[in-house]
Amino acid sequence: MLMALIGAAGKLLTGEVASIEDIDRSWMVNFHMPMGPFGILDSIGLDTAWHVTHKMPDRASVAFAALLKTYLDQGKLGEKTGEGFYSYPNPKYKAQDFVK
């Protein structure tokens, strides 16, 4: 189920349908969750997500793996490096006004 969530979020982002913040905000508001898919990815580690997605042959996974690789190449692996889709220790999605 997590791969379906991450895949859908990646497809929305790489298809330029919505921004990282808008995708996370939508998930958080609609499902009353403390973080969205990109916050979850930062928690998992972008390197881990890339290792899974770069081996998938479908077009959406290839596009998302390429995007993840740009973060990896910059040393942005998520929470463990202090930066991924968000900057830590105070990511935007934890701000009180993020979902308003």
PDB file of N, CA and C in Angstrom:
ATOM      1  N   MET A   1       0.816  -1.184   0.000  1.00  0.00           N
ATOM      2  CA  MET A   1       0.000   0.000   0.000  1.00  0.00           C
ATOM      3  C   MET A   1       0.864   1.254   0.000  1.00  0.00           C
ATOM      4  N   LEU A   2       1.991   1.193   0.721  1.00  0.00           N
ATOM      5  CA  LEU A   2       2.870   2.359   0.766  1.00  0.00           C
ATOM      6  C   LEU A   2       3.414   2.680  -0.626  1.00  0.00           C
ATOM      7  N   MET A   3       3.754   1.661  -1.396  1.00  0.00           N
ATOM      8  CA  MET A   3       4.273   1.892  -2.754  1.00  0.00           C
ATOM      9  C   MET A   3       3.210   2.549  -3.633  1.00  0.00           C
ATOM     10  N   ALA A   4       1.955   2.207  -3.442  1.00  0.00           N
ATOM     11  CA  ALA A   4       0.884   2.837  -4.218  1.00  0.00           C
ATOM     12  C   ALA A   4       0.795   4.321  -3.878  1.00  0.00           C
ATOM     13  N   LEU A   5       0.891   4.656  -2.591  1.00  0.00           N
ATOM     14  CA  LEU A   5       0.859   6.049  -2.153  1.00  0.00           C
ATOM     15  C   LEU A   5       2.039   6.821  -2.714  1.00  0.00           C
ATOM     16  N   ILE A   6       3.226   6.274  -2.567  1.00  0.00           N
ATOM     17  CA  ILE A   6       4.436   6.944  -3.037  1.00  0.00           C
ATOM     18  C   ILE A   6       4.425   7.068  -4.558  1.00  0.00           C
ATOM     19  N   GLY A   7       3.991   6.021  -5.233  1.00  0.00           N
ATOM     20  CA  GLY A   7       3.915   6.063  -6.691  1.00  0.00           C
ATOM     21  C   GLY A   7       2.950   7.126  -7.178  1.00  0.00           C
ATOM     22  N   ALA A   8       1.797   7.229  -6.528  1.00  0.00           N
ATOM     23  CA  ALA A   8       0.814   8.246  -6.922  1.00  0.00           C
ATOM     24  C   ALA A   8       1.360   9.645  -6.658  1.00  0.00           C
ATOM     25  N   ALA A   9       2.005   9.841  -5.522  1.00  0.00           N
ATOM     26  CA  ALA A   9       2.589  11.147  -5.202  1.00  0.00           C
ATOM     27  C   ALA A   9       3.689  11.504  -6.200  1.00  0.00           C
ATOM     28  N   GLY A  10       4.541  10.536  -6.515  1.00  0.00           N
ATOM     29  CA  GLY A  10       5.608  10.771  -7.492  1.00  0.00           C
ATOM     30  C   GLY A  10       5.068  11.118  -8.861  1.00  0.00           C
ATOM     31  N   LYS A  11       4.011  10.442  -9.253  1.00  0.00           N
ATOM     32  CA  LYS A  11       3.406  10.697 -10.564  1.00  0.00           C
ATOM     33  C   LYS A  11       2.790  12.102 -10.618  1.00  0.00           C
ATOM     34  N   LEU A  12       2.147  12.524  -9.535  1.00  0.00           N
ATOM     35  CA  LEU A  12       1.588  13.876  -9.480  1.00  0.00           C
ATOM     36  C   LEU A  12       2.685  14.926  -9.569  1.00  0.00           C
ATOM     37  N   LEU A  13       3.803  14.683  -8.877  1.00  0.00           N
ATOM     38  CA  LEU A  13       4.905  15.641  -8.881  1.00  0.00           C
ATOM     39  C   LEU A  13       5.615  15.690 -10.224  1.00  0.00           C
ATOM     40  N   THR A  14       6.008  14.535 -10.746  1.00  0.00           N
ATOM     41  CA  THR A  14       6.755  14.531 -12.016  1.00  0.00           C
ATOM     42  C   THR A  14       5.875  14.922 -13.198  1.00  0.00           C
ATOM     43  N   GLY A  15       4.567  14.736 -13.057  1.00  0.00           N
ATOM     44  CA  GLY A  15       3.636  15.175 -14.096  1.00  0.00           C
ATOM     45  C   GLY A  15       3.262  16.636 -13.965  1.00  0.00           C
ATOM     46  N   GLU A  16       3.888  17.304 -13.000  1.00  0.00           N
ATOM     47  CA  GLU A  16       3.667  18.721 -12.733  1.00  0.00           C
ATOM     48  C   GLU A  16       2.201  19.054 -12.484  1.00  0.00           C
ATOM     49  N   VAL A  17       1.516  18.119 -11.810  1.00  0.00           N
ATOM     50  CA  VAL A  17       0.119  18.320 -11.442  1.00  0.00           C
ATOM     51  C   VAL A  17       0.030  19.153 -10.167  1.00  0.00           C
ATOM     52  N   ALA A  18       0.950  18.920  -9.240  1.00  0.00           N
ATOM     53  CA  ALA A  18       0.939  19.620  -7.959  1.00  0.00           C
ATOM     54  C   ALA A  18       2.350  19.660  -7.379  1.00  0.00           C
ATOM     55  N   SER A  19       2.560  20.578  -6.441  1.00  0.00           N
ATOM     56  CA  SER A  19       3.855  20.709  -5.774  1.00  0.00           C
ATOM     57  C   SER A  19       3.973  19.694  -4.631  1.00  0.00           C
ATOM     58  N   ILE A  20       5.159  19.533  -4.136  1.00  0.00           N
ATOM     59  CA  ILE A  20       5.417  18.658  -2.994  1.00  0.00           C
ATOM     60  C   ILE A  20       4.523  19.056  -1.822  1.00  0.00           C
ATOM     61  N   GLU A  21       4.523  20.338  -1.513  1.00  0.00           N
ATOM     62  CA  GLU A  21       3.735  20.831  -0.384  1.00  0.00           C
ATOM     63  C   GLU A  21       2.243  20.614  -0.599  1.00  0.00           C
ATOM     64  N   ASP A  22       1.751  20.874  -1.808  1.00  0.00           N
ATOM     65  CA  ASP A  22       0.315  20.699  -2.072  1.00  0.00           C
ATOM     66  C   ASP A  22      -0.106  19.227  -1.990  1.00  0.00           C
ATOM     67  N   ILE A  23       0.739  18.346  -2.466  1.00  0.00           N
ATOM     68  CA  ILE A  23       0.438  16.903  -2.384  1.00  0.00           C
ATOM     69  C   ILE A  23       0.402  16.467  -0.925  1.00  0.00           C
ATOM     70  N   ASP A  24       1.418  16.866  -0.164  1.00  0.00           N
ATOM     71  CA  ASP A  24       1.438  16.499   1.250  1.00  0.00           C
ATOM     72  C   ASP A  24       0.273  17.125   2.000  1.00  0.00           C
ATOM     73  N   ARG A  25       0.017  18.396   1.740  1.00  0.00           N
ATOM     74  CA  ARG A  25      -1.079  19.089   2.421  1.00  0.00           C
ATOM     75  C   ARG A  25      -2.414  18.392   2.143  1.00  0.00           C
ATOM     76  N   SER A  26      -2.651  18.026   0.916  1.00  0.00           N
ATOM     77  CA  SER A  26      -3.894  17.344   0.549  1.00  0.00           C
ATOM     78  C   SER A  26      -4.033  16.029   1.309  1.00  0.00           C
ATOM     79  N   TRP A  27      -2.973  15.257   1.355  1.00  0.00           N
ATOM     80  CA  TRP A  27      -2.999  13.973   2.071  1.00  0.00           C
ATOM     81  C   TRP A  27      -3.261  14.194   3.558  1.00  0.00           C
ATOM     82  N   MET A  28      -2.573  15.158   4.133  1.00  0.00           N
ATOM     83  CA  MET A  28      -2.689  15.417   5.556  1.00  0.00           C
ATOM     84  C   MET A  28      -4.093  15.896   5.935  1.00  0.00           C
ATOM     85  N   VAL A  29      -4.667  16.775   5.131  1.00  0.00           N
ATOM     86  CA  VAL A  29      -5.995  17.304   5.417  1.00  0.00           C
ATOM     87  C   VAL A  29      -7.063  16.239   5.197  1.00  0.00           C
ATOM     88  N   ASN A  30      -7.013  15.574   4.068  1.00  0.00           N
ATOM     89  CA  ASN A  30      -8.057  14.615   3.726  1.00  0.00           C
ATOM     90  C   ASN A  30      -8.048  13.351   4.579  1.00  0.00           C
ATOM     91  N   PHE A  31      -6.874  12.935   5.030  1.00  0.00           N
ATOM     92  CA  PHE A  31      -6.784  11.698   5.797  1.00  0.00           C
ATOM     93  C   PHE A  31      -6.362  11.911   7.249  1.00  0.00           C
ATOM     94  N   HIS A  32      -6.285  13.181   7.659  1.00  0.00           N
ATOM     95  CA  HIS A  32      -5.949  13.526   9.045  1.00  0.00           C
ATOM     96  C   HIS A  32      -4.650  12.849   9.491  1.00  0.00           C
ATOM     97  N   MET A  33      -3.643  12.982   8.664  1.00  0.00           N
ATOM     98  CA  MET A  33      -2.347  12.357   8.939  1.00  0.00           C
ATOM     99  C   MET A  33      -1.328  13.425   9.337  1.00  0.00           C
ATOM    100  N   PRO A  34      -0.311  13.060  10.125  1.00  0.00           N
ATOM    101  CA  PRO A  34       0.682  14.040  10.571  1.00  0.00           C
ATOM    102  C   PRO A  34       1.716  14.420   9.514  1.00  0.00           C
ATOM    103  N   MET A  35       1.807  13.653   8.443  1.00  0.00           N
ATOM    104  CA  MET A  35       2.720  13.975   7.333  1.00  0.00           C
ATOM    105  C   MET A  35       2.173  13.351   6.067  1.00  0.00           C
ATOM    106  N   GLY A  36       2.615  13.897   4.944  1.00  0.00           N
ATOM    107  CA  GLY A  36       2.182  13.382   3.651  1.00  0.00           C
ATOM    108  C   GLY A  36       3.219  12.455   3.046  1.00  0.00           C
ATOM    109  N   PRO A  37       3.015  12.058   1.796  1.00  0.00           N
ATOM    110  CA  PRO A  37       3.922  11.094   1.162  1.00  0.00           C
ATOM    111  C   PRO A  37       5.374  11.552   1.075  1.00  0.00           C
ATOM    112  N   PHE A  38       5.608  12.847   0.874  1.00  0.00           N
ATOM    113  CA  PHE A  38       6.994  13.300   0.760  1.00  0.00           C
ATOM    114  C   PHE A  38       7.664  13.409   2.129  1.00  0.00           C
ATOM    115  N   GLY A  39       6.896  13.700   3.155  1.00  0.00           N
ATOM    116  CA  GLY A  39       7.420  13.616   4.516  1.00  0.00           C
ATOM    117  C   GLY A  39       7.755  12.179   4.870  1.00  0.00           C
ATOM    118  N   ILE A  40       6.888  11.265   4.454  1.00  0.00           N
ATOM    119  CA  ILE A  40       7.136   9.837   4.679  1.00  0.00           C
ATOM    120  C   ILE A  40       8.405   9.401   3.939  1.00  0.00           C
ATOM    121  N   LEU A  41       8.549   9.843   2.710  1.00  0.00           N
ATOM    122  CA  LEU A  41       9.754   9.496   1.943  1.00  0.00           C
ATOM    123  C   LEU A  41      11.014  10.013   2.627  1.00  0.00           C
ATOM    124  N   ASP A  42      10.968  11.238   3.153  1.00  0.00           N
ATOM    125  CA  ASP A  42      12.116  11.764   3.883  1.00  0.00           C
ATOM    126  C   ASP A  42      12.432  10.896   5.093  1.00  0.00           C
ATOM    127  N   SER A  43      11.399  10.391   5.744  1.00  0.00           N
ATOM    128  CA  SER A  43      11.584   9.538   6.913  1.00  0.00           C
ATOM    129  C   SER A  43      12.206   8.194   6.527  1.00  0.00           C
ATOM    130  N   ILE A  44      11.734   7.621   5.442  1.00  0.00           N
ATOM    131  CA  ILE A  44      12.256   6.342   4.940  1.00  0.00           C
ATOM    132  C   ILE A  44      13.690   6.499   4.448  1.00  0.00           C
ATOM    133  N   GLY A  45      13.936   7.581   3.756  1.00  0.00           N
ATOM    134  CA  GLY A  45      15.233   7.842   3.128  1.00  0.00           C
ATOM    135  C   GLY A  45      15.070   7.838   1.623  1.00  0.00           C
ATOM    136  N   LEU A  46      15.477   8.915   0.983  1.00  0.00           N
ATOM    137  CA  LEU A  46      15.329   9.016  -0.472  1.00  0.00           C
ATOM    138  C   LEU A  46      16.189   7.996  -1.197  1.00  0.00           C
ATOM    139  N   ASP A  47      17.295   7.608  -0.583  1.00  0.00           N
ATOM    140  CA  ASP A  47      18.135   6.566  -1.172  1.00  0.00           C
ATOM    141  C   ASP A  47      17.404   5.229  -1.201  1.00  0.00           C
ATOM    142  N   THR A  48      16.690   4.916  -0.134  1.00  0.00           N
ATOM    143  CA  THR A  48      15.906   3.677  -0.090  1.00  0.00           C
ATOM    144  C   THR A  48      14.819   3.698  -1.154  1.00  0.00           C
ATOM    145  N   ALA A  49      14.125   4.820  -1.263  1.00  0.00           N
ATOM    146  CA  ALA A  49      13.070   4.951  -2.270  1.00  0.00           C
ATOM    147  C   ALA A  49      13.639   4.825  -3.683  1.00  0.00           C
ATOM    148  N   TRP A  50      14.815   5.406  -3.905  1.00  0.00           N
ATOM    149  CA  TRP A  50      15.438   5.311  -5.229  1.00  0.00           C
ATOM    150  C   TRP A  50      15.816   3.866  -5.547  1.00  0.00           C
ATOM    151  N   HIS A  51      16.351   3.150  -4.571  1.00  0.00           N
ATOM    152  CA  HIS A  51      16.741   1.745  -4.795  1.00  0.00           C
ATOM    153  C   HIS A  51      15.545   0.892  -5.222  1.00  0.00           C
ATOM    154  N   VAL A  52      14.368   1.233  -4.751  1.00  0.00           N
ATOM    155  CA  VAL A  52      13.162   0.505  -5.136  1.00  0.00           C
ATOM    156  C   VAL A  52      12.662   0.965  -6.504  1.00  0.00           C
ATOM    157  N   THR A  53      12.550   2.273  -6.686  1.00  0.00           N
ATOM    158  CA  THR A  53      11.910   2.788  -7.909  1.00  0.00           C
ATOM    159  C   THR A  53      12.779   2.681  -9.156  1.00  0.00           C
ATOM    160  N   HIS A  54      14.077   2.777  -9.029  1.00  0.00           N
ATOM    161  CA  HIS A  54      14.898   2.801 -10.253  1.00  0.00           C
ATOM    162  C   HIS A  54      14.917   1.458 -10.990  1.00  0.00           C
ATOM    163  N   LYS A  55      14.460   0.416 -10.352  1.00  0.00           N
ATOM    164  CA  LYS A  55      14.409  -0.897 -11.007  1.00  0.00           C
ATOM    165  C   LYS A  55      13.053  -1.196 -11.636  1.00  0.00           C
ATOM    166  N   MET A  56      12.101  -0.315 -11.442  1.00  0.00           N
ATOM    167  CA  MET A  56      10.767  -0.528 -11.999  1.00  0.00           C
ATOM    168  C   MET A  56      10.732   0.006 -13.429  1.00  0.00           C
ATOM    169  N   PRO A  57      10.157  -0.753 -14.340  1.00  0.00           N
ATOM    170  CA  PRO A  57      10.224  -0.388 -15.758  1.00  0.00           C
ATOM    171  C   PRO A  57       9.148   0.601 -16.241  1.00  0.00           C
ATOM    172  N   ASP A  58       8.115   0.835 -15.451  1.00  0.00           N
ATOM    173  CA  ASP A  58       7.046   1.713 -15.958  1.00  0.00           C
ATOM    174  C   ASP A  58       7.518   3.168 -16.015  1.00  0.00           C
ATOM    175  N   ARG A  59       6.932   3.909 -16.902  1.00  0.00           N
ATOM    176  CA  ARG A  59       7.341   5.280 -17.198  1.00  0.00           C
ATOM    177  C   ARG A  59       7.287   6.179 -15.955  1.00  0.00           C
ATOM    178  N   ALA A  60       6.228   6.054 -15.151  1.00  0.00           N
ATOM    179  CA  ALA A  60       6.078   6.896 -13.963  1.00  0.00           C
ATOM    180  C   ALA A  60       7.207   6.626 -12.957  1.00  0.00           C
ATOM    181  N   SER A  61       7.554   5.366 -12.764  1.00  0.00           N
ATOM    182  CA  SER A  61       8.638   5.026 -11.835  1.00  0.00           C
ATOM    183  C   SER A  61       9.980   5.513 -12.337  1.00  0.00           C
ATOM    184  N   VAL A  62      10.208   5.396 -13.626  1.00  0.00           N
ATOM    185  CA  VAL A  62      11.462   5.872 -14.226  1.00  0.00           C
ATOM    186  C   VAL A  62      11.603   7.379 -14.003  1.00  0.00           C
ATOM    187  N   ALA A  63      10.519   8.120 -14.222  1.00  0.00           N
ATOM    188  CA  ALA A  63      10.543   9.571 -14.032  1.00  0.00           C
ATOM    189  C   ALA A  63      10.779   9.932 -12.570  1.00  0.00           C
ATOM    190  N   PHE A  64      10.112   9.222 -11.667  1.00  0.00           N
ATOM    191  CA  PHE A  64      10.278   9.529 -10.253  1.00  0.00           C
ATOM    192  C   PHE A  64      11.675   9.131  -9.773  1.00  0.00           C
ATOM    193  N   ALA A  65      12.199   8.014 -10.240  1.00  0.00           N
ATOM    194  CA  ALA A  65      13.562   7.599  -9.880  1.00  0.00           C
ATOM    195  C   ALA A  65      14.571   8.648 -10.341  1.00  0.00           C
ATOM    196  N   ALA A  66      14.359   9.210 -11.518  1.00  0.00           N
ATOM    197  CA  ALA A  66      15.259  10.255 -12.032  1.00  0.00           C
ATOM    198  C   ALA A  66      15.207  11.488 -11.128  1.00  0.00           C
ATOM    199  N   LEU A  67      14.021  11.854 -10.680  1.00  0.00           N
ATOM    200  CA  LEU A  67      13.892  12.990  -9.766  1.00  0.00           C
ATOM    201  C   LEU A  67      14.595  12.688  -8.444  1.00  0.00           C
ATOM    202  N   LEU A  68      14.353  11.510  -7.894  1.00  0.00           N
ATOM    203  CA  LEU A  68      15.018  11.121  -6.646  1.00  0.00           C
ATOM    204  C   LEU A  68      16.534  11.169  -6.792  1.00  0.00           C
ATOM    205  N   LYS A  69      17.028  10.749  -7.935  1.00  0.00           N
ATOM    206  CA  LYS A  69      18.487  10.733  -8.176  1.00  0.00           C
ATOM    207  C   LYS A  69      19.079  12.134  -8.091  1.00  0.00           C
ATOM    208  N   THR A  70      18.331  13.151  -8.510  1.00  0.00           N
ATOM    209  CA  THR A  70      18.843  14.525  -8.405  1.00  0.00           C
ATOM    210  C   THR A  70      19.044  14.914  -6.945  1.00  0.00           C
ATOM    211  N   TYR A  71      18.171  14.437  -6.071  1.00  0.00           N
ATOM    212  CA  TYR A  71      18.331  14.695  -4.641  1.00  0.00           C
ATOM    213  C   TYR A  71      19.528  13.919  -4.093  1.00  0.00           C
ATOM    214  N   LEU A  72      19.642  12.653  -4.484  1.00  0.00           N
ATOM    215  CA  LEU A  72      20.768  11.830  -4.009  1.00  0.00           C
ATOM    216  C   LEU A  72      22.093  12.441  -4.418  1.00  0.00           C
ATOM    217  N   ASP A  73      22.178  12.911  -5.652  1.00  0.00           N
ATOM    218  CA  ASP A  73      23.418  13.497  -6.161  1.00  0.00           C
ATOM    219  C   ASP A  73      23.835  14.746  -5.381  1.00  0.00           C
ATOM    220  N   GLN A  74      22.867  15.379  -4.716  1.00  0.00           N
ATOM    221  CA  GLN A  74      23.144  16.563  -3.894  1.00  0.00           C
ATOM    222  C   GLN A  74      23.356  16.200  -2.425  1.00  0.00           C
ATOM    223  N   GLY A  75      23.309  14.900  -2.111  1.00  0.00           N
ATOM    224  CA  GLY A  75      23.480  14.443  -0.740  1.00  0.00           C
ATOM    225  C   GLY A  75      22.238  14.632   0.123  1.00  0.00           C
ATOM    226  N   LYS A  76      21.107  14.874  -0.510  1.00  0.00           N
ATOM    227  CA  LYS A  76      19.846  15.077   0.200  1.00  0.00           C
ATOM    228  C   LYS A  76      19.114  13.737   0.280  1.00  0.00           C
ATOM    229  N   LEU A  77      19.255  13.086   1.426  1.00  0.00           N
ATOM    230  CA  LEU A  77      18.682  11.752   1.602  1.00  0.00           C
ATOM    231  C   LEU A  77      17.455  11.754   2.506  1.00  0.00           C
ATOM    232  N   GLY A  78      17.054  12.908   2.986  1.00  0.00           N
ATOM    233  CA  GLY A  78      15.917  12.996   3.887  1.00  0.00           C
ATOM    234  C   GLY A  78      16.355  13.370   5.289  1.00  0.00           C
ATOM    235  N   GLU A  79      15.586  12.920   6.264  1.00  0.00           N
ATOM    236  CA  GLU A  79      15.857  13.280   7.660  1.00  0.00           C
ATOM    237  C   GLU A  79      17.273  12.960   8.101  1.00  0.00           C
ATOM    238  N   LYS A  80      17.799  11.830   7.649  1.00  0.00           N
ATOM    239  CA  LYS A  80      19.121  11.389   8.130  1.00  0.00           C
ATOM    240  C   LYS A  80      20.258  12.325   7.733  1.00  0.00           C
ATOM    241  N   THR A  81      20.050  13.149   6.697  1.00  0.00           N
ATOM    242  CA  THR A  81      21.076  14.120   6.312  1.00  0.00           C
ATOM    243  C   THR A  81      20.634  15.552   6.597  1.00  0.00           C
ATOM    244  N   GLY A  82      19.435  15.715   7.135  1.00  0.00           N
ATOM    245  CA  GLY A  82      18.931  17.044   7.460  1.00  0.00           C
ATOM    246  C   GLY A  82      18.209  17.728   6.317  1.00  0.00           C
ATOM    247  N   GLU A  83      18.205  17.085   5.160  1.00  0.00           N
ATOM    248  CA  GLU A  83      17.492  17.664   4.023  1.00  0.00           C
ATOM    249  C   GLU A  83      17.120  16.587   3.013  1.00  0.00           C
ATOM    250  N   GLY A  84      15.938  16.724   2.499  1.00  0.00           N
ATOM    251  CA  GLY A  84      15.403  15.862   1.452  1.00  0.00           C
ATOM    252  C   GLY A  84      14.393  16.708   0.700  1.00  0.00           C
ATOM    253  N   PHE A  85      13.139  16.289   0.713  1.00  0.00           N
ATOM    254  CA  PHE A  85      12.096  17.133   0.159  1.00  0.00           C
ATOM    255  C   PHE A  85      11.849  18.322   1.080  1.00  0.00           C
ATOM    256  N   TYR A  86      12.148  18.151   2.358  1.00  0.00           N
ATOM    257  CA  TYR A  86      12.030  19.203   3.365  1.00  0.00           C
ATOM    258  C   TYR A  86      13.361  19.340   4.092  1.00  0.00           C
ATOM    259  N   SER A  87      13.513  20.432   4.837  1.00  0.00           N
ATOM    260  CA  SER A  87      14.702  20.644   5.669  1.00  0.00           C
ATOM    261  C   SER A  87      14.359  20.307   7.105  1.00  0.00           C
ATOM    262  N   TYR A  88      15.288  19.664   7.787  1.00  0.00           N
ATOM    263  CA  TYR A  88      15.099  19.197   9.160  1.00  0.00           C
ATOM    264  C   TYR A  88      16.097  19.884  10.072  1.00  0.00           C
ATOM    265  N   PRO A  89      15.713  20.117  11.312  1.00  0.00           N
ATOM    266  CA  PRO A  89      14.744  19.414  12.135  1.00  0.00           C
ATOM    267  C   PRO A  89      13.338  20.021  12.121  1.00  0.00           C
ATOM    268  N   ASN A  90      13.116  21.088  11.400  1.00  0.00           N
ATOM    269  CA  ASN A  90      11.806  21.747  11.405  1.00  0.00           C
ATOM    270  C   ASN A  90      11.208  21.793  10.002  1.00  0.00           C
ATOM    271  N   PRO A  91      10.721  20.667   9.502  1.00  0.00           N
ATOM    272  CA  PRO A  91      10.152  20.661   8.146  1.00  0.00           C
ATOM    273  C   PRO A  91       8.865  21.484   8.078  1.00  0.00           C
ATOM    274  N   LYS A  92       8.608  22.051   6.907  1.00  0.00           N
ATOM    275  CA  LYS A  92       7.429  22.900   6.707  1.00  0.00           C
ATOM    276  C   LYS A  92       6.133  22.204   7.099  1.00  0.00           C
ATOM    277  N   TYR A  93       6.025  20.902   6.846  1.00  0.00           N
ATOM    278  CA  TYR A  93       4.756  20.218   7.102  1.00  0.00           C
ATOM    279  C   TYR A  93       4.413  20.146   8.588  1.00  0.00           C
ATOM    280  N   LYS A  94       5.378  20.419   9.480  1.00  0.00           N
ATOM    281  CA  LYS A  94       5.093  20.425  10.908  1.00  0.00           C
ATOM    282  C   LYS A  94       4.656  21.798  11.413  1.00  0.00           C
ATOM    283  N   ALA A  95       4.746  22.799  10.562  1.00  0.00           N
ATOM    284  CA  ALA A  95       4.316  24.142  10.961  1.00  0.00           C
ATOM    285  C   ALA A  95       2.807  24.161  11.180  1.00  0.00           C
ATOM    286  N   GLN A  96       2.392  24.911  12.163  1.00  0.00           N
ATOM    287  CA  GLN A  96       0.989  24.942  12.535  1.00  0.00           C
ATOM    288  C   GLN A  96       0.089  25.422  11.399  1.00  0.00           C
ATOM    289  N   ASP A  97       0.592  26.305  10.559  1.00  0.00           N
ATOM    290  CA  ASP A  97      -0.237  26.860   9.483  1.00  0.00           C
ATOM    291  C   ASP A  97      -0.093  26.104   8.149  1.00  0.00           C
ATOM    292  N   PHE A  98       0.609  24.990   8.135  1.00  0.00           N
ATOM    293  CA  PHE A  98       0.829  24.252   6.878  1.00  0.00           C
ATOM    294  C   PHE A  98      -0.475  23.742   6.271  1.00  0.00           C
ATOM    295  N   VAL A  99      -1.384  23.261   7.068  1.00  0.00           N
ATOM    296  CA  VAL A  99      -2.623  22.688   6.546  1.00  0.00           C
ATOM    297  C   VAL A  99      -3.787  23.673   6.546  1.00  0.00           C
ATOM    298  N   LYS A 100      -3.557  24.910   6.834  1.00  0.00           N
ATOM    299  CA  LYS A 100      -4.648  25.886   6.839  1.00  0.00           C
ATOM    300  C   LYS A 100      -4.794  26.565   5.512  1.00  0.00           C
TER     301      LYS A 100
END
